Amino acid sequence: MNWKSLAASSRLFWKISAAFLLVLALLGVGYILITSYTAGRYLQEVNQRLYGGIARQLVKETQPLVDGKPDTAATHDIMHSMMVINPSVEVYLLDPFGKIIDYVVPNKSVHLQRVSIQPIKKFITDEGRSFVLGDDPRNPGARKAFSAAPIIEDGNLAGYAYIILASEEQAAVTSSLFGSYILQLGAKTFFLALLAALAVGLIAIGFITKNLRLIIDTTRRFKEGDYQARIPEDGRSDLAILAVTFNDMADKIEANIEQIQSMGQLRQELIANVSHDLRTPLSIVQGYIETLLMKEEQLPPEERRKYLEIIYDSSEKLSRLIVQLFEYSKLETNQIQPEKEPFPLSELAQDVFAKYQILAREKGLVLKLEHPRELPLVFADLGLVERVIQNLMDNALKFTPEGGKVTLQLRNREEGVEVRISDTGPGIPESEQSHIFERYRKAGGGNERNKGAGLGLAIVKKILEIHNATIQVQSRQGQGAAFSFWLPAYQG
């Protein structure tokens, strides 16, 4: 493993550790805020449970309202006495609608003239068993624990005794102390979070980067040319999925490299074979032309004509080979795309059959055409399909001995038409059947079937491939061969 792998692992370590620390810090802050909120409510609920009855005690000890007006002299003494015993309370007298008509509070600072009556009614109805917060007249918008009791005069509701159980001064002291406590708690929590993040980060990174270092090292080896390098596939983690993905990619790349190497080898073989096939007719042409030039006066007309016919045949062979090379090259580089159209395959077969009858008769062969009366139109490139049939017919006529038979057969099959060209030639060994469509493939074992087969069958295969079709071969050595392909029916 080199320093780049270590640097990558180190960067990942600190990134994950920082992220983990941030998460823990946020959790710590959230914990403090939630604790602060719930602790505050807890303290207020405790106050309300402990001192929720003092308003009833006030009303019981004195008559705070007389004719709906506060009895200031009598009530203030009791209110002050209550505040001496519990300095945190603030005492208010309210009318039936929540309007403040009298109060005893520190500093005489009251900012509300009216408080909401609904919390008071709920508190009285539940007899103090429910935790209820009410308005704080000295701090608008704040909600605090309270004690309340109705004031009854002559059987009628005259107002309420409303006592805030935590005065503004107590709230200020509590807030100050609680803030200090929260600061200490936050510092301790953050410190513990830092330690936890480092500890957990080290352990987590130890597991993660162990596999990551292996992945980085394997990737580096693959980049440097070790195409056999693979990452061990272990577990079901995300890194394991990455390993599987990398291995699949490496397999495909290795296969492509092997294919490229194979293509290079085939290209060399092609050049060698083409050179040989071009050299042979050229040598023949050159040799006979030299003979004609040297012995022009000595050769009888019959022999001179024979030499010219040989030159002509060789030049035709050379021309066909060059045409095949150009055609195969265009197919190989996708320069030829099928221009599909609907057409009757039976008519095309009859035209091809008619062209080959004379050649078959000259070779002493029986040529037969078989097809049903009703065949659907096929959807393909007419010219390319004709080229396929011609190449297969050329191949069949070439390797069928005198007295043999070549059959061109059409038949309905699976919403399309199957074309089958069979012969009674020497056949193809089973071991060679998967290779005969390779360009310039030569069969071994002295088999004459494929010698000089050139590019004809390779062109057939390429044309059918661009039609999304395949060529099939059935043969036994000594029992002839049959080539077949299928074209889809026109659906228009």
Protein backbone atom coordinates (compact mmCIF):
# COMPACT_ATOMS: atom_id res chain seq x y z
CA MET A 1 0.00 0.00 0.00
CA ASN A 2 1.45 3.45 -0.88
CA TRP A 3 1.15 6.86 0.76
CA LYS A 4 -1.80 7.82 -1.46
CA SER A 5 -3.88 4.99 0.01
CA LEU A 6 -2.92 6.06 3.54
CA ALA A 7 -3.71 9.71 2.78
CA ALA A 8 -7.12 8.80 1.40
CA SER A 9 -7.89 6.69 4.47
CA SER A 10 -6.70 9.48 6.79
CA ARG A 11 -8.90 12.07 5.08
CA LEU A 12 -11.88 9.77 5.31
CA PHE A 13 -11.10 9.16 8.99
CA TRP A 14 -11.19 12.86 9.86
CA LYS A 15 -14.28 13.54 7.74
CA ILE A 16 -16.27 10.77 9.42
CA SER A 17 -14.96 11.74 12.85
CA ALA A 18 -15.92 15.40 12.30
CA ALA A 19 -19.38 14.41 11.09
CA PHE A 20 -19.83 12.09 14.05
CA LEU A 21 -18.66 14.81 16.47
CA LEU A 22 -21.09 17.30 14.92
CA VAL A 23 -23.97 14.85 15.30
CA LEU A 24 -23.09 14.21 18.94
CA ALA A 25 -22.74 17.95 19.60
CA LEU A 26 -26.17 18.60 18.07
CA LEU A 27 -27.62 15.78 20.14
CA GLY A 28 -25.98 17.30 23.22
CA VAL A 29 -27.46 20.74 22.52
CA GLY A 30 -30.85 19.16 21.88
CA TYR A 31 -30.59 17.21 25.12
CA ILE A 32 -29.74 20.38 27.08
CA LEU A 33 -32.64 22.34 25.57
CA ILE A 34 -35.13 19.56 26.22
CA THR A 35 -33.80 19.07 29.75
CA SER A 36 -34.01 22.81 30.42
CA TYR A 37 -37.59 22.97 29.21
CA THR A 38 -38.79 19.89 31.07
CA ALA A 39 -36.90 20.83 34.24
CA GLY A 40 -38.56 24.26 34.26
CA ARG A 41 -42.01 22.73 33.89
CA TYR A 42 -41.15 20.17 36.54
CA LEU A 43 -40.22 22.90 39.07
CA GLN A 44 -43.41 24.85 38.33
CA GLU A 45 -45.56 21.73 38.70
CA VAL A 46 -43.89 20.92 42.03
CA ASN A 47 -44.60 24.49 43.20
CA GLN A 48 -48.23 24.23 42.16
CA ARG A 49 -48.67 20.88 43.92
CA LEU A 50 -47.02 22.17 47.13
CA TYR A 51 -48.60 25.62 47.31
CA GLY A 52 -51.74 25.24 45.21
CA GLY A 53 -53.97 25.60 48.31
CA ILE A 54 -52.72 28.96 49.62
CA ALA A 55 -55.35 30.93 47.67
CA ARG A 56 -58.09 28.91 49.38
CA GLN A 57 -56.35 29.57 52.71
CA LEU A 58 -56.35 33.33 51.99
CA VAL A 59 -60.05 33.36 51.18
CA LYS A 60 -60.77 31.23 54.25
CA GLU A 61 -58.87 33.51 56.68
CA THR A 62 -60.39 36.78 55.47
CA GLN A 63 -63.06 38.31 53.32
CA PRO A 64 -60.93 39.91 50.57
CA LEU A 65 -63.88 41.65 48.86
CA VAL A 66 -66.72 43.60 50.41
CA ASP A 67 -69.47 44.70 48.04
CA GLY A 68 -67.12 43.77 45.18
CA LYS A 69 -64.38 46.07 46.46
CA PRO A 70 -61.15 45.00 48.15
CA ASP A 71 -60.94 45.26 51.95
CA THR A 72 -57.47 46.73 51.74
CA ALA A 73 -56.68 47.00 55.43
CA ALA A 74 -57.68 43.44 56.27
CA THR A 75 -56.34 41.66 53.23
CA HIS A 76 -53.03 43.43 52.83
CA ASP A 77 -51.89 42.33 56.27
CA ILE A 78 -52.61 38.70 55.44
CA MET A 79 -51.06 39.07 51.96
CA HIS A 80 -47.89 40.53 53.44
CA SER A 81 -47.79 37.77 56.02
CA MET A 82 -48.01 35.18 53.26
CA MET A 83 -45.19 36.87 51.34
CA VAL A 84 -43.05 36.92 54.49
CA ILE A 85 -43.52 33.17 54.84
CA ASN A 86 -43.03 32.59 51.07
CA PRO A 87 -41.35 35.60 49.41
CA SER A 88 -41.72 34.07 45.95
CA VAL A 89 -45.50 34.60 45.75
CA GLU A 90 -47.41 37.52 44.21
CA VAL A 91 -51.01 38.03 45.36
CA TYR A 92 -53.78 39.48 43.14
CA LEU A 93 -57.51 40.04 43.58
CA LEU A 94 -59.59 39.72 40.42
CA ASP A 95 -63.17 40.51 39.52
CA PRO A 96 -65.29 37.69 37.97
CA PHE A 97 -63.95 38.58 34.50
CA GLY A 98 -60.25 38.53 35.35
CA LYS A 99 -59.69 42.27 35.83
CA ILE A 100 -57.06 43.03 38.49
CA ILE A 101 -58.62 45.13 41.26
CA ASP A 102 -55.90 44.81 43.93
CA TYR A 103 -52.48 43.22 44.39
CA VAL A 104 -49.50 42.93 46.69
CA VAL A 105 -46.24 42.46 44.75
CA PRO A 106 -42.63 43.57 45.16
CA ASN A 107 -41.75 46.88 43.52
CA LYS A 108 -45.44 47.57 42.73
CA SER A 109 -44.76 46.91 39.00
CA VAL A 110 -47.74 45.30 37.25
CA HIS A 111 -48.06 45.51 33.45
CA LEU A 112 -51.38 43.74 32.84
CA GLN A 113 -54.80 44.99 33.88
CA ARG A 114 -56.51 41.72 33.11
CA VAL A 115 -55.58 38.02 33.05
CA SER A 116 -57.18 35.11 31.22
CA ILE A 117 -59.97 33.58 33.31
CA GLN A 118 -59.98 30.15 31.58
CA PRO A 119 -56.89 28.68 33.32
CA ILE A 120 -58.29 29.89 36.67
CA LYS A 121 -61.64 28.17 36.09
CA LYS A 122 -59.86 24.95 35.03
CA PHE A 123 -57.65 25.02 38.14
CA ILE A 124 -60.66 25.52 40.43
CA THR A 125 -62.73 22.88 38.62
CA ASP A 126 -59.93 20.27 38.88
CA GLU A 127 -59.28 21.33 42.52
CA GLY A 128 -55.59 21.81 41.78
CA ARG A 129 -54.99 18.26 40.56
CA SER A 130 -54.09 19.33 37.02
CA PHE A 131 -50.96 21.23 36.08
CA VAL A 132 -52.19 24.57 34.70
CA LEU A 133 -50.21 27.69 33.81
CA GLY A 134 -51.71 31.17 33.97
CA ASP A 135 -50.84 34.72 32.91
CA ASP A 136 -48.13 36.61 34.81
CA PRO A 137 -49.33 40.22 35.27
CA ARG A 138 -45.75 41.46 35.78
CA ASN A 139 -44.38 39.74 32.68
CA PRO A 140 -46.75 39.92 29.68
CA GLY A 141 -46.58 36.82 27.50
CA ALA A 142 -45.11 34.62 30.24
CA ARG A 143 -47.01 31.68 31.72
CA LYS A 144 -46.46 30.62 35.35
CA ALA A 145 -47.77 28.23 37.98
CA PHE A 146 -50.45 29.76 40.22
CA SER A 147 -52.97 29.12 42.97
CA ALA A 148 -56.54 30.37 42.71
CA ALA A 149 -59.78 30.30 44.69
CA PRO A 150 -63.21 31.84 44.15
CA ILE A 151 -64.40 34.68 46.41
CA ILE A 152 -68.07 34.20 47.32
CA GLU A 153 -70.14 37.08 48.71
CA ASP A 154 -73.79 36.57 49.68
CA GLY A 155 -73.81 33.33 47.66
CA ASN A 156 -72.58 35.03 44.52
CA LEU A 157 -69.19 35.01 42.81
CA ALA A 158 -67.51 38.30 43.68
CA GLY A 159 -64.09 37.55 42.19
CA TYR A 160 -60.99 35.41 42.57
CA ALA A 161 -57.87 35.25 44.68
CA TYR A 162 -55.03 34.71 42.17
CA ILE A 163 -51.53 33.99 43.47
CA ILE A 164 -48.45 33.60 41.23
CA LEU A 165 -46.25 30.99 42.94
CA ALA A 166 -42.94 32.12 41.44
CA SER A 167 -42.34 35.85 41.48
CA GLU A 168 -40.29 37.71 38.90
CA GLU A 169 -37.40 37.98 41.35
CA GLN A 170 -37.42 34.24 41.98
CA ALA A 171 -37.57 33.62 38.22
CA ALA A 172 -34.53 35.88 37.71
CA VAL A 173 -32.51 34.07 40.38
CA THR A 174 -33.63 30.67 39.09
CA SER A 175 -32.76 31.64 35.52
CA SER A 176 -29.30 32.83 36.55
CA LEU A 177 -28.52 29.70 38.53
CA PHE A 178 -30.08 27.45 35.92
CA GLY A 179 -28.08 29.19 33.15
CA SER A 180 -24.85 28.54 35.04
CA TYR A 181 -25.90 24.93 35.55
CA ILE A 182 -26.76 24.55 31.87
CA LEU A 183 -23.38 26.05 30.89
CA GLN A 184 -21.57 23.52 33.06
CA LEU A 185 -23.74 20.70 31.77
CA GLY A 186 -23.15 21.81 28.19
CA ALA A 187 -19.37 21.97 28.63
CA LYS A 188 -19.30 18.54 30.23
CA THR A 189 -21.62 17.12 27.57
CA PHE A 190 -19.53 18.59 24.76
CA PHE A 191 -16.32 17.23 26.28
CA LEU A 192 -17.87 13.79 26.70
CA ALA A 193 -19.25 13.99 23.15
CA LEU A 194 -15.76 14.81 21.87
CA LEU A 195 -14.26 11.85 23.69
CA ALA A 196 -17.08 9.58 22.51
CA ALA A 197 -16.71 10.81 18.91
CA LEU A 198 -12.99 10.15 18.91
CA ALA A 199 -13.37 6.73 20.51
CA VAL A 200 -16.26 5.60 18.32
CA GLY A 201 -14.67 7.23 15.27
CA LEU A 202 -11.41 5.38 15.78
CA ILE A 203 -13.22 2.07 16.19
CA ALA A 204 -15.57 2.70 13.24
CA ILE A 205 -12.80 3.91 10.95
CA GLY A 206 -10.72 0.93 11.95
CA PHE A 207 -13.41 -1.33 10.48
CA ILE A 208 -14.29 0.88 7.52
CA THR A 209 -10.82 1.87 6.34
CA LYS A 210 -9.53 -1.67 6.68
CA ASN A 211 -11.74 -2.65 3.74
CA LEU A 212 -11.29 0.74 2.09
CA ARG A 213 -7.51 0.40 2.08
CA LEU A 214 -7.93 -3.01 0.46
CA ILE A 215 -10.24 -1.53 -2.19
CA ILE A 216 -7.84 1.36 -2.88
CA ASP A 217 -4.86 -0.99 -3.12
CA THR A 218 -6.72 -3.40 -5.45
CA THR A 219 -7.87 -0.50 -7.65
CA ARG A 220 -4.29 0.80 -7.87
CA ARG A 221 -2.99 -2.66 -8.85
CA PHE A 222 -5.69 -2.95 -11.52
CA LYS A 223 -4.80 0.50 -12.87
CA GLU A 224 -1.13 -0.52 -13.09
CA GLY A 225 -1.98 -3.52 -15.28
CA ASP A 226 -2.79 -6.37 -12.89
CA TYR A 227 -6.10 -7.26 -14.52
CA GLN A 228 -6.47 -10.32 -12.28
CA ALA A 229 -6.73 -8.11 -9.16
CA ARG A 230 -10.07 -8.57 -7.38
CA ILE A 231 -11.52 -7.39 -4.06
CA PRO A 232 -12.59 -10.18 -1.68
CA GLU A 233 -16.39 -10.17 -1.43
CA ASP A 234 -17.24 -10.51 2.26
CA GLY A 235 -20.40 -9.37 4.07
CA ARG A 236 -23.37 -7.28 3.00
CA SER A 237 -22.19 -3.76 3.84
CA ASP A 238 -22.04 -0.86 1.38
CA LEU A 239 -18.31 -1.53 0.95
CA ALA A 240 -19.12 -5.15 0.10
CA ILE A 241 -21.53 -3.89 -2.57
CA LEU A 242 -18.74 -1.62 -3.85
CA ALA A 243 -16.42 -4.64 -3.99
CA VAL A 244 -18.97 -6.65 -6.00
CA THR A 245 -19.50 -3.70 -8.37
CA PHE A 246 -15.76 -3.24 -8.85
CA ASN A 247 -15.24 -6.95 -9.49
CA ASP A 248 -18.04 -7.00 -12.07
CA MET A 249 -16.51 -3.97 -13.78
CA ALA A 250 -13.04 -5.57 -13.68
CA ASP A 251 -14.44 -8.77 -15.23
CA LYS A 252 -15.98 -6.79 -18.08
CA ILE A 253 -12.82 -4.75 -18.64
CA GLU A 254 -10.70 -7.90 -18.64
CA ALA A 255 -13.09 -9.54 -21.11
CA ASN A 256 -12.95 -6.45 -23.35
CA ILE A 257 -9.16 -6.45 -23.23
CA GLU A 258 -9.09 -10.12 -24.16
CA GLN A 259 -11.53 -9.41 -26.98
CA ILE A 260 -9.35 -6.54 -28.23
CA GLN A 261 -6.30 -8.80 -28.13
CA SER A 262 -8.26 -11.48 -29.96
CA MET A 263 -9.39 -8.92 -32.53
CA GLY A 264 -5.77 -7.90 -33.03
CA GLN A 265 -4.80 -11.51 -33.62
CA LEU A 266 -7.72 -11.97 -36.02
CA ARG A 267 -6.70 -8.80 -37.83
CA GLN A 268 -3.22 -10.19 -38.35
CA GLU A 269 -4.69 -13.47 -39.59
CA LEU A 270 -7.01 -11.54 -41.90
CA ILE A 271 -4.14 -9.58 -43.40
CA ALA A 272 -2.16 -12.78 -43.88
CA ASN A 273 -5.11 -14.60 -45.48
CA VAL A 274 -6.06 -11.66 -47.68
CA SER A 275 -2.46 -11.30 -48.80
CA HIS A 276 -2.39 -14.99 -49.69
CA ASP A 277 -5.72 -14.92 -51.52
CA LEU A 278 -4.76 -11.79 -53.44
CA ARG A 279 -1.32 -13.09 -54.26
CA THR A 280 -2.61 -16.33 -55.80
CA PRO A 281 -4.79 -14.86 -58.59
CA LEU A 282 -2.30 -12.05 -59.16
CA SER A 283 0.50 -14.57 -59.57
CA ILE A 284 -1.61 -16.57 -62.00
CA VAL A 285 -2.49 -13.48 -64.04
CA GLN A 286 1.09 -12.28 -64.03
CA GLY A 287 2.46 -15.71 -64.98
CA TYR A 288 0.12 -16.27 -67.92
CA ILE A 289 0.56 -12.72 -69.20
CA GLU A 290 4.33 -13.19 -69.14
CA THR A 291 3.91 -16.47 -71.05
CA LEU A 292 1.71 -14.79 -73.64
CA LEU A 293 4.23 -11.98 -74.08
CA MET A 294 7.20 -14.30 -74.35
CA LYS A 295 5.58 -16.91 -76.63
CA GLU A 296 3.08 -14.79 -78.51
CA GLU A 297 4.26 -16.07 -81.93
CA GLN A 298 4.68 -19.69 -80.84
CA LEU A 299 1.33 -20.34 -79.09
CA PRO A 300 -1.50 -21.77 -81.17
CA PRO A 301 -4.82 -19.86 -81.02
CA GLU A 302 -6.50 -22.54 -78.88
CA GLU A 303 -3.84 -22.41 -76.17
CA ARG A 304 -3.72 -18.62 -76.29
CA ARG A 305 -7.49 -18.54 -75.73
CA LYS A 306 -7.14 -21.00 -72.85
CA TYR A 307 -4.54 -18.75 -71.20
CA LEU A 308 -6.80 -15.72 -71.64
CA GLU A 309 -9.72 -17.60 -70.05
CA ILE A 310 -7.52 -18.49 -67.05
CA ILE A 311 -6.47 -14.83 -66.75
CA TYR A 312 -10.11 -13.78 -66.95
CA ASP A 313 -11.22 -16.28 -64.27
CA SER A 314 -8.39 -15.21 -61.97
CA SER A 315 -9.20 -11.52 -62.41
CA GLU A 316 -12.87 -12.24 -61.66
CA LYS A 317 -11.87 -14.11 -58.52
CA LEU A 318 -9.66 -11.18 -57.55
CA SER A 319 -12.51 -8.75 -58.18
CA ARG A 320 -14.94 -10.80 -56.07
CA LEU A 321 -12.46 -10.96 -53.23
CA ILE A 322 -11.93 -7.20 -53.27
CA VAL A 323 -15.71 -6.62 -53.28
CA GLN A 324 -16.07 -8.99 -50.32
CA LEU A 325 -13.33 -7.19 -48.42
CA PHE A 326 -14.99 -3.81 -48.90
CA GLU A 327 -18.39 -5.24 -48.02
CA TYR A 328 -17.16 -6.96 -44.86
CA SER A 329 -15.22 -3.85 -43.82
CA LYS A 330 -18.36 -1.72 -44.07
CA LEU A 331 -20.40 -4.27 -42.12
CA GLU A 332 -17.70 -4.53 -39.46
CA THR A 333 -17.63 -0.74 -38.94
CA ASN A 334 -21.45 -0.35 -39.02
CA GLN A 335 -21.35 1.68 -42.23
CA ILE A 336 -24.16 -0.45 -43.66
CA GLN A 337 -27.58 -0.20 -42.03
CA PRO A 338 -30.57 -2.17 -43.32
CA GLU A 339 -33.24 -0.22 -45.19
CA LYS A 340 -36.16 -2.43 -44.25
CA GLU A 341 -39.27 -2.76 -46.35
CA PRO A 342 -42.02 -5.37 -46.82
CA PHE A 343 -41.47 -7.73 -49.76
CA PRO A 344 -42.45 -11.27 -50.87
CA LEU A 345 -39.54 -13.57 -50.06
CA SER A 346 -40.86 -16.25 -52.44
CA GLU A 347 -40.35 -13.95 -55.46
CA LEU A 348 -36.80 -13.14 -54.36
CA ALA A 349 -36.08 -16.86 -53.93
CA GLN A 350 -37.41 -17.59 -57.45
CA ASP A 351 -35.15 -14.88 -58.94
CA VAL A 352 -32.07 -16.25 -57.17
CA PHE A 353 -33.05 -19.82 -58.10
CA ALA A 354 -33.29 -18.87 -61.79
CA LYS A 355 -29.82 -17.25 -61.75
CA TYR A 356 -28.18 -20.38 -60.33
CA GLN A 357 -29.88 -22.97 -62.57
CA ILE A 358 -27.34 -22.65 -65.40
CA LEU A 359 -24.38 -22.86 -63.01
CA ALA A 360 -25.90 -25.91 -61.30
CA ARG A 361 -26.50 -27.61 -64.68
CA GLU A 362 -22.88 -26.96 -65.71
CA LYS A 363 -21.65 -28.63 -62.49
CA GLY A 364 -24.02 -31.55 -62.91
CA LEU A 365 -26.08 -30.64 -59.83
CA VAL A 366 -29.81 -30.82 -59.17
CA LEU A 367 -31.19 -27.46 -57.97
CA LYS A 368 -34.56 -27.51 -56.23
CA LEU A 369 -36.87 -24.75 -54.92
CA GLU A 370 -39.60 -25.54 -52.34
CA HIS A 371 -42.08 -23.09 -50.82
CA PRO A 372 -45.80 -23.05 -49.93
CA ARG A 373 -48.27 -21.05 -51.98
CA GLU A 374 -49.09 -18.67 -49.16
CA LEU A 375 -46.23 -16.90 -47.43
CA PRO A 376 -46.42 -13.61 -45.51
CA LEU A 377 -44.43 -10.59 -46.58
CA VAL A 378 -41.18 -10.25 -44.66
CA PHE A 379 -39.81 -6.98 -43.28
CA ALA A 380 -36.10 -6.65 -44.12
CA ASP A 381 -33.57 -5.11 -46.51
CA LEU A 382 -34.24 -6.83 -49.85
CA GLY A 383 -30.74 -6.29 -51.26
CA LEU A 384 -28.97 -7.57 -48.15
CA VAL A 385 -31.24 -10.61 -47.85
CA GLU A 386 -30.53 -11.41 -51.52
CA ARG A 387 -26.80 -11.19 -50.71
CA VAL A 388 -27.26 -13.68 -47.85
CA ILE A 389 -29.09 -16.20 -50.06
CA GLN A 390 -26.52 -15.79 -52.86
CA ASN A 391 -23.58 -16.38 -50.50
CA LEU A 392 -25.22 -19.48 -49.07
CA MET A 393 -26.04 -20.76 -52.56
CA ASP A 394 -22.45 -20.09 -53.70
CA ASN A 395 -21.18 -22.04 -50.71
CA ALA A 396 -23.56 -24.96 -51.34
CA LEU A 397 -22.78 -25.20 -55.08
CA LYS A 398 -19.06 -24.92 -54.45
CA PHE A 399 -18.83 -27.89 -52.08
CA THR A 400 -21.49 -30.21 -53.54
CA PRO A 401 -19.94 -32.85 -55.81
CA GLU A 402 -21.26 -33.71 -59.27
CA GLY A 403 -24.57 -35.55 -59.11
CA GLY A 404 -25.46 -33.92 -55.80
CA LYS A 405 -28.48 -31.81 -54.92
CA VAL A 406 -28.92 -28.27 -53.53
CA THR A 407 -32.33 -27.28 -52.13
CA LEU A 408 -33.61 -23.76 -51.44
CA GLN A 409 -36.61 -24.08 -49.11
CA LEU A 410 -39.02 -21.50 -47.63
CA ARG A 411 -41.59 -22.26 -44.94
CA ASN A 412 -43.87 -20.53 -42.43
CA ARG A 413 -42.54 -20.46 -38.89
CA GLU A 414 -43.41 -18.41 -35.77
CA GLU A 415 -44.96 -15.34 -37.43
CA GLY A 416 -42.24 -15.20 -40.03
CA VAL A 417 -40.50 -17.11 -42.80
CA GLU A 418 -37.62 -19.54 -42.44
CA VAL A 419 -35.10 -19.82 -45.29
CA ARG A 420 -33.20 -23.11 -45.49
CA ILE A 421 -30.45 -23.99 -47.99
CA SER A 422 -29.26 -27.59 -47.87
CA ASP A 423 -26.80 -29.61 -49.92
CA THR A 424 -25.49 -33.16 -50.24
CA GLY A 425 -21.85 -32.19 -49.96
CA PRO A 426 -19.15 -33.57 -47.60
CA GLY A 427 -20.67 -31.93 -44.53
CA ILE A 428 -18.94 -30.08 -41.69
CA PRO A 429 -17.35 -31.71 -38.62
CA GLU A 430 -19.26 -30.86 -35.44
CA SER A 431 -16.11 -29.41 -33.88
CA GLU A 432 -15.86 -26.86 -36.71
CA GLN A 433 -19.49 -25.75 -36.90
CA SER A 434 -19.16 -22.99 -34.32
CA HIS A 435 -16.18 -21.48 -36.17
CA ILE A 436 -17.16 -21.51 -39.82
CA PHE A 437 -18.68 -18.02 -39.64
CA GLU A 438 -15.41 -16.48 -38.51
CA ARG A 439 -13.64 -14.58 -41.23
CA TYR A 440 -11.10 -16.70 -43.08
CA ARG A 441 -11.68 -19.62 -40.73
CA LYS A 442 -9.92 -22.72 -42.02
CA ALA A 443 -11.18 -26.08 -40.84
CA GLY A 444 -8.62 -28.57 -39.63
CA GLY A 445 -8.31 -32.28 -40.15
CA GLY A 446 -8.07 -32.06 -43.89
CA ASN A 447 -11.69 -30.91 -44.22
CA GLU A 448 -12.19 -29.42 -47.66
CA ARG A 449 -15.51 -27.85 -46.76
CA ASN A 450 -14.03 -24.57 -45.50
CA LYS A 451 -10.82 -24.25 -47.45
CA GLY A 452 -11.03 -21.00 -49.37
CA ALA A 453 -14.38 -20.17 -47.78
CA GLY A 454 -13.07 -16.63 -47.38
CA LEU A 455 -15.51 -13.98 -46.17
CA GLY A 456 -18.77 -15.30 -47.62
CA LEU A 457 -20.18 -16.88 -44.44
CA ALA A 458 -18.76 -14.08 -42.26
CA ILE A 459 -20.69 -11.57 -44.41
CA VAL A 460 -23.84 -13.71 -44.06
CA LYS A 461 -23.53 -13.63 -40.27
CA LYS A 462 -22.94 -9.86 -40.17
CA ILE A 463 -25.91 -9.07 -42.43
CA LEU A 464 -28.23 -11.22 -40.32
CA GLU A 465 -26.90 -9.65 -37.10
CA ILE A 466 -27.90 -6.16 -38.25
CA HIS A 467 -31.36 -7.68 -38.94
CA ASN A 468 -31.43 -9.06 -35.36
CA ALA A 469 -31.40 -12.55 -36.85
CA THR A 470 -29.04 -15.51 -36.54
CA ILE A 471 -27.71 -18.14 -38.92
CA GLN A 472 -28.02 -21.80 -37.93
CA VAL A 473 -26.09 -24.75 -39.32
CA GLN A 474 -26.97 -28.44 -39.19
CA SER A 475 -24.51 -30.94 -40.56
CA ARG A 476 -22.84 -34.30 -40.15
CA GLN A 477 -19.60 -35.11 -41.83
CA GLY A 478 -20.29 -36.99 -45.04
CA GLN A 479 -24.03 -36.23 -44.95
CA GLY A 480 -24.24 -32.70 -46.32
CA ALA A 481 -25.03 -29.41 -44.58
CA ALA A 482 -28.04 -27.15 -44.10
CA PHE A 483 -27.94 -23.42 -43.32
CA SER A 484 -31.10 -21.66 -42.14
CA PHE A 485 -32.25 -18.27 -40.88
CA TRP A 486 -35.56 -16.66 -39.94
CA LEU A 487 -37.04 -13.29 -40.91
CA PRO A 488 -40.08 -11.68 -39.23
CA ALA A 489 -43.34 -11.20 -41.08
CA TYR A 490 -44.46 -7.67 -41.92
CA GLN A 491 -46.96 -6.47 -39.30
CA GLY A 492 -48.27 -3.37 -41.10
